[in-house]
Amino acid sequence: MKVIRTRKELEEYVAPYRQAGSSVALVPTMGALHAGHISLMRRAVAENDITVASVFVNPTQFNDKRDLEAYPRTEEADFRLLDEAGVSAVFAPAVDEVYPPEEAEREKHTFDLGRVAEVMEGAYRPGHFQGVAQIVSKLLRLASPDRAYFGEKDFQQIAVIRRMTETEGINVEIVACPICRESDGLALSSRNVRLTPSQRAVAPGIFRVLAESVGYSRDHSVRQTREYVESRVNALPECKVEYFSIVAADTLEDAGSWDCADRITGCITVYCGDVRLIDNITYRPLQQA
């Protein structure tokens, strides 16, 4: 596996593959890799001729400096996992390489992300999705991939990235991959390492409530289901719901009823102690019991 540190190196690495007509995959990450990330890598490797991963903790998508500072950084372990997964190259630049001071003025750009970036995470983390769009657009233009892979745990982020590629005219297939979970249901996240033992024991209750609420939704309204989830998650020790939204999956607009869209998803953010966890679940179409 080749380790690439500069934008120029990345462009030079990918160029001959593009010229030869080989398929190129990109899997953007912020490192601190876990089995969920590796599932993305393995799928990308299986479906493409070469796979480029990125490992870069992007400062522009953190609206809380403390969160940025606390984000785990495990580069050596990350590289080992990527190599074992069959990744062809990893792009792991310094911040000044991605955001050179001399380009700061020229690169100021507000992305047209539309309504999908204004709700849920967009409302609680101002500027977050502009930062996501900034780094992902850079990576897509540098690597020129045919496909880019993202995990569905970040459900809203995928909608935002799809919107960004459309408005920016970036020709790439965005591949959404299913959430990977621990055996007890907790969605895999780099933030999970920050949970205390007692919090780690409680955190799987978030998904347990979500899963139970699907059955509850069969004979209760959207509002009743939302209240059901919020009250039960808030009853878990050290857990506090920041928001829980039940939305039309394509537009992310609040679902007024279960028949307002073909696909309806519940998206939740919970503070477990001071660790911010996100998850989501599909309500419609209902799976056969």
Protein backbone atom coordinates (compact mmCIF):
# COMPACT_ATOMS: atom_id res chain seq x y z
CA MET A 1 0.00 0.00 0.00
CA LYS A 2 1.36 3.38 -1.00
CA VAL A 3 1.27 6.23 1.53
CA ILE A 4 0.64 9.60 -0.10
CA ARG A 5 1.15 12.89 1.76
CA THR A 6 0.64 15.60 -0.87
CA ARG A 7 -2.09 16.58 -3.29
CA LYS A 8 0.38 16.48 -6.21
CA GLU A 9 1.39 12.92 -5.34
CA LEU A 10 -2.24 11.83 -5.22
CA GLU A 11 -3.03 13.29 -8.63
CA GLU A 12 0.11 11.72 -10.10
CA TYR A 13 -0.71 8.34 -8.54
CA VAL A 14 -4.24 8.18 -9.93
CA ALA A 15 -3.51 9.64 -13.40
CA PRO A 16 -2.14 6.49 -15.12
CA TYR A 17 -5.04 4.38 -13.85
CA ARG A 18 -7.53 6.90 -15.19
CA GLN A 19 -5.72 6.99 -18.54
CA ALA A 20 -5.81 3.18 -18.72
CA GLY A 21 -9.56 3.12 -18.06
CA SER A 22 -9.20 1.37 -14.70
CA SER A 23 -11.97 1.91 -12.16
CA VAL A 24 -10.98 4.00 -9.15
CA ALA A 25 -12.68 4.01 -5.74
CA LEU A 26 -12.35 6.57 -2.97
CA VAL A 27 -13.20 5.92 0.68
CA PRO A 28 -12.88 9.16 2.70
CA THR A 29 -12.30 8.74 6.47
CA MET A 30 -11.10 10.73 9.43
CA GLY A 31 -9.11 7.76 10.71
CA ALA A 32 -9.52 5.95 14.03
CA LEU A 33 -10.68 3.11 11.83
CA HIS A 34 -12.98 0.33 12.98
CA ALA A 35 -14.71 -2.67 11.39
CA GLY A 36 -17.33 -0.40 9.81
CA HIS A 37 -14.67 1.49 7.88
CA ILE A 38 -12.98 -1.73 6.87
CA SER A 39 -16.27 -3.08 5.49
CA LEU A 40 -16.36 -0.04 3.19
CA MET A 41 -12.76 -0.69 2.13
CA ARG A 42 -13.39 -4.35 1.35
CA ARG A 43 -16.45 -3.53 -0.73
CA ALA A 44 -14.56 -0.84 -2.64
CA VAL A 45 -11.64 -3.20 -3.26
CA ALA A 46 -14.02 -5.90 -4.52
CA GLU A 47 -15.84 -3.56 -6.91
CA ASN A 48 -12.95 -1.54 -8.37
CA ASP A 49 -9.48 -1.89 -9.87
CA ILE A 50 -7.84 0.37 -7.30
CA THR A 51 -9.03 1.84 -4.01
CA VAL A 52 -7.74 5.03 -2.44
CA ALA A 53 -8.57 5.73 1.21
CA SER A 54 -8.08 9.05 2.92
CA VAL A 55 -7.16 9.52 6.57
CA PHE A 56 -7.61 13.17 7.49
CA VAL A 57 -9.22 14.76 10.54
CA ASN A 58 -10.88 17.68 8.79
CA PRO A 59 -10.93 20.79 11.00
CA THR A 60 -13.51 22.67 8.92
CA GLN A 61 -16.35 20.28 9.82
CA PHE A 62 -15.95 20.68 13.59
CA ASN A 63 -17.93 23.56 15.08
CA ASP A 64 -16.63 22.67 18.56
CA LYS A 65 -12.86 22.99 18.99
CA ARG A 66 -12.94 20.61 21.95
CA ASP A 67 -14.53 17.92 19.79
CA LEU A 68 -11.75 18.37 17.21
CA GLU A 69 -9.05 18.09 19.85
CA ALA A 70 -10.65 15.00 21.41
CA TYR A 71 -11.08 13.16 18.11
CA PRO A 72 -8.89 10.01 18.23
CA ARG A 73 -5.84 9.82 15.94
CA THR A 74 -4.38 6.37 15.32
CA GLU A 75 -2.49 6.65 12.04
CA GLU A 76 -0.12 3.68 12.43
CA ALA A 77 -2.93 1.27 13.32
CA ASP A 78 -5.10 2.75 10.55
CA PHE A 79 -2.45 2.12 7.90
CA ARG A 80 -2.04 -1.48 9.02
CA LEU A 81 -5.80 -2.11 8.75
CA LEU A 82 -6.01 -0.48 5.32
CA ASP A 83 -3.12 -2.54 4.02
CA GLU A 84 -4.72 -5.76 5.30
CA ALA A 85 -8.01 -4.78 3.60
CA GLY A 86 -6.28 -4.54 0.22
CA VAL A 87 -6.38 -0.76 -0.19
CA SER A 88 -4.04 0.41 -2.96
CA ALA A 89 -3.06 3.79 -1.50
CA VAL A 90 -3.82 6.03 1.46
CA PHE A 91 -3.88 9.82 1.29
CA ALA A 92 -2.89 11.15 4.72
CA PRO A 93 -1.99 14.82 4.36
CA ALA A 94 -1.19 17.52 6.90
CA VAL A 95 -3.77 20.28 7.40
CA ASP A 96 -1.58 22.85 5.62
CA GLU A 97 -1.36 20.54 2.60
CA VAL A 98 -5.15 20.39 2.27
CA TYR A 99 -5.73 24.02 3.25
CA PRO A 100 -2.59 25.99 2.27
CA PRO A 101 -2.60 29.45 3.90
CA GLU A 102 -1.82 31.09 0.55
CA GLU A 103 -5.02 29.61 -0.95
CA ALA A 104 -7.34 30.56 1.89
CA GLU A 105 -8.93 33.55 0.18
CA ARG A 106 -9.26 31.87 -3.20
CA GLU A 107 -10.86 28.79 -1.70
CA LYS A 108 -13.62 30.57 0.22
CA HIS A 109 -16.73 29.04 -1.26
CA THR A 110 -20.25 28.51 -0.01
CA PHE A 111 -21.79 25.33 -1.34
CA ASP A 112 -25.41 25.18 -2.43
CA LEU A 113 -26.47 22.28 -0.23
CA GLY A 114 -30.16 23.04 -0.03
CA ARG A 115 -32.65 21.94 2.58
CA VAL A 116 -30.98 18.58 3.27
CA ALA A 117 -28.13 20.44 5.02
CA GLU A 118 -30.35 22.70 7.12
CA VAL A 119 -32.28 20.16 9.20
CA MET A 120 -31.12 17.81 11.98
CA GLU A 121 -27.31 17.97 12.11
CA GLY A 122 -27.37 21.17 10.09
CA ALA A 123 -29.51 22.89 12.72
CA TYR A 124 -27.40 21.70 15.66
CA ARG A 125 -23.94 21.99 14.09
CA PRO A 126 -23.82 25.25 12.09
CA GLY A 127 -21.24 25.13 9.32
CA HIS A 128 -20.65 21.39 9.70
CA PHE A 129 -21.90 20.38 6.28
CA GLN A 130 -20.12 23.25 4.54
CA GLY A 131 -16.94 21.78 6.00
CA VAL A 132 -17.89 18.27 4.88
CA ALA A 133 -18.63 19.53 1.37
CA GLN A 134 -15.33 21.41 1.31
CA ILE A 135 -13.16 18.39 2.09
CA VAL A 136 -15.14 15.81 0.13
CA SER A 137 -15.21 18.00 -2.99
CA LYS A 138 -11.42 18.41 -2.72
CA LEU A 139 -10.87 14.68 -2.36
CA LEU A 140 -13.20 13.87 -5.26
CA ARG A 141 -11.45 16.31 -7.56
CA LEU A 142 -7.98 15.11 -6.57
CA ALA A 143 -8.69 11.37 -6.82
CA SER A 144 -11.20 11.56 -9.71
CA PRO A 145 -12.89 8.33 -8.59
CA ASP A 146 -15.65 6.47 -10.37
CA ARG A 147 -17.23 5.62 -7.01
CA ALA A 148 -17.01 6.98 -3.46
CA TYR A 149 -18.12 4.90 -0.49
CA PHE A 150 -19.84 6.13 2.68
CA GLY A 151 -21.48 4.42 5.64
CA GLU A 152 -25.22 4.88 6.23
CA LYS A 153 -24.68 5.68 9.91
CA ASP A 154 -24.06 9.19 8.57
CA PHE A 155 -27.41 9.10 6.79
CA GLN A 156 -27.81 12.85 6.39
CA GLN A 157 -24.22 13.31 5.28
CA ILE A 158 -24.80 11.01 2.31
CA ALA A 159 -27.78 13.13 1.21
CA VAL A 160 -25.66 16.27 1.53
CA ILE A 161 -22.77 14.81 -0.46
CA ARG A 162 -25.12 13.69 -3.23
CA ARG A 163 -26.54 17.21 -3.39
CA MET A 164 -23.02 18.69 -3.45
CA THR A 165 -21.87 16.49 -6.33
CA GLU A 166 -24.94 17.48 -8.33
CA THR A 167 -24.60 21.23 -7.79
CA GLU A 168 -20.80 21.18 -8.27
CA GLY A 169 -20.98 19.02 -11.39
CA ILE A 170 -18.77 16.24 -9.99
CA ASN A 171 -19.33 13.01 -11.90
CA VAL A 172 -19.09 10.22 -9.31
CA GLU A 173 -21.32 7.43 -8.02
CA ILE A 174 -21.99 7.78 -4.29
CA VAL A 175 -22.27 4.29 -2.79
CA ALA A 176 -24.13 4.04 0.53
CA CYS A 177 -23.18 1.02 2.66
CA PRO A 178 -25.19 -0.49 5.54
CA ILE A 179 -24.44 0.38 9.17
CA CYS A 180 -22.07 -2.01 10.92
CA ARG A 181 -22.89 -2.81 14.54
CA GLU A 182 -21.37 -4.48 17.54
CA SER A 183 -22.98 -7.77 18.58
CA ASP A 184 -25.09 -5.83 21.12
CA GLY A 185 -26.40 -3.44 18.47
CA LEU A 186 -24.27 -0.34 19.11
CA ALA A 187 -23.43 1.34 15.81
CA LEU A 188 -19.68 1.27 15.22
CA SER A 189 -18.13 4.71 15.63
CA SER A 190 -14.67 6.10 16.24
CA ARG A 191 -16.21 7.98 19.17
CA ASN A 192 -17.13 4.77 20.98
CA VAL A 193 -13.62 4.50 22.43
CA ARG A 194 -14.41 7.60 24.51
CA LEU A 195 -17.29 5.90 26.32
CA THR A 196 -16.61 4.88 29.91
CA PRO A 197 -17.31 1.22 30.78
CA SER A 198 -20.65 2.16 32.31
CA GLN A 199 -21.62 4.28 29.30
CA ARG A 200 -20.54 1.52 26.92
CA ALA A 201 -22.88 -0.85 28.76
CA VAL A 202 -25.80 1.58 28.37
CA ALA A 203 -25.21 2.84 24.80
CA PRO A 204 -26.61 -0.26 23.00
CA GLY A 205 -29.98 0.67 24.50
CA ILE A 206 -30.23 3.45 21.90
CA PHE A 207 -30.52 1.00 19.03
CA ARG A 208 -32.64 -1.38 21.09
CA VAL A 209 -35.23 1.39 21.54
CA LEU A 210 -35.08 2.27 17.84
CA ALA A 211 -35.60 -1.36 16.85
CA GLU A 212 -38.52 -1.76 19.24
CA SER A 213 -40.09 1.43 17.92
CA VAL A 214 -40.50 -0.06 14.44
CA GLY A 215 -43.02 -2.54 15.80
CA TYR A 216 -44.61 0.22 17.88
CA SER A 217 -45.00 2.33 14.72
CA ARG A 218 -47.25 -0.29 13.10
CA ASP A 219 -50.25 0.94 15.11
CA HIS A 220 -49.12 4.36 16.33
CA SER A 221 -48.68 7.72 14.63
CA VAL A 222 -45.39 9.38 13.69
CA ARG A 223 -45.74 11.78 16.62
CA GLN A 224 -46.45 8.97 19.07
CA THR A 225 -43.48 6.99 17.78
CA ARG A 226 -41.19 9.99 18.12
CA GLU A 227 -42.34 10.53 21.72
CA TYR A 228 -41.91 6.80 22.44
CA VAL A 229 -38.27 6.85 21.32
CA GLU A 230 -37.36 10.12 23.03
CA SER A 231 -38.84 9.14 26.38
CA ARG A 232 -37.23 5.70 26.43
CA VAL A 233 -33.79 6.83 25.34
CA ASN A 234 -33.85 9.70 27.83
CA ALA A 235 -34.66 7.13 30.53
CA LEU A 236 -31.34 5.36 29.88
CA PRO A 237 -28.64 6.30 32.44
CA GLU A 238 -26.36 9.15 31.27
CA CYS A 239 -28.27 9.47 27.97
CA LYS A 240 -29.91 12.63 26.66
CA VAL A 241 -31.56 12.92 23.24
CA GLU A 242 -30.39 15.99 21.35
CA TYR A 243 -32.88 15.39 18.56
CA PHE A 244 -34.88 12.57 17.05
CA SER A 245 -36.40 13.21 13.62
CA ILE A 246 -38.60 10.93 11.55
CA VAL A 247 -38.15 12.05 7.96
CA ALA A 248 -38.84 11.25 4.34
CA ALA A 249 -35.59 9.53 3.39
CA ASP A 250 -35.12 11.32 0.06
CA THR A 251 -35.82 14.90 1.16
CA LEU A 252 -35.15 14.72 4.94
CA GLU A 253 -38.36 16.69 5.52
CA ASP A 254 -40.32 15.76 8.65
CA ALA A 255 -42.76 12.95 8.00
CA GLY A 256 -46.29 14.05 8.85
CA SER A 257 -47.70 10.56 8.41
CA TRP A 258 -46.47 7.07 7.56
CA ASP A 259 -47.78 7.32 4.01
CA CYS A 260 -46.15 10.67 3.13
CA ALA A 261 -43.19 8.97 1.41
CA ASP A 262 -42.15 5.54 0.15
CA ARG A 263 -39.11 5.52 2.47
CA ILE A 264 -39.17 6.94 5.99
CA THR A 265 -36.18 6.98 8.33
CA GLY A 266 -35.70 7.89 11.98
CA CYS A 267 -32.45 9.75 12.74
CA ILE A 268 -31.27 10.23 16.32
CA THR A 269 -28.44 11.99 18.10
CA VAL A 270 -27.81 11.19 21.75
CA TYR A 271 -25.30 12.44 24.28
CA CYS A 272 -24.08 9.51 26.35
CA GLY A 273 -22.19 11.42 28.99
CA ASP A 274 -20.27 13.90 26.84
CA VAL A 275 -19.93 11.54 23.86
CA ARG A 276 -22.20 12.41 20.94
CA LEU A 277 -23.59 9.30 19.24
CA ILE A 278 -25.72 9.12 16.09
CA ASP A 279 -27.83 6.31 14.66
CA ASN A 280 -30.80 5.76 12.39
CA ILE A 281 -33.42 3.18 11.50
CA THR A 282 -35.82 2.51 8.63
CA TYR A 283 -39.54 2.73 9.41
CA ARG A 284 -41.02 2.43 5.96
CA PRO A 285 -41.15 0.26 4.04
CA LEU A 286 -41.89 -2.06 6.95
CA GLN A 287 -39.95 -5.31 6.93
CA GLN A 288 -41.96 -8.49 7.07
CA ALA A 289 -42.14 -9.80 10.63
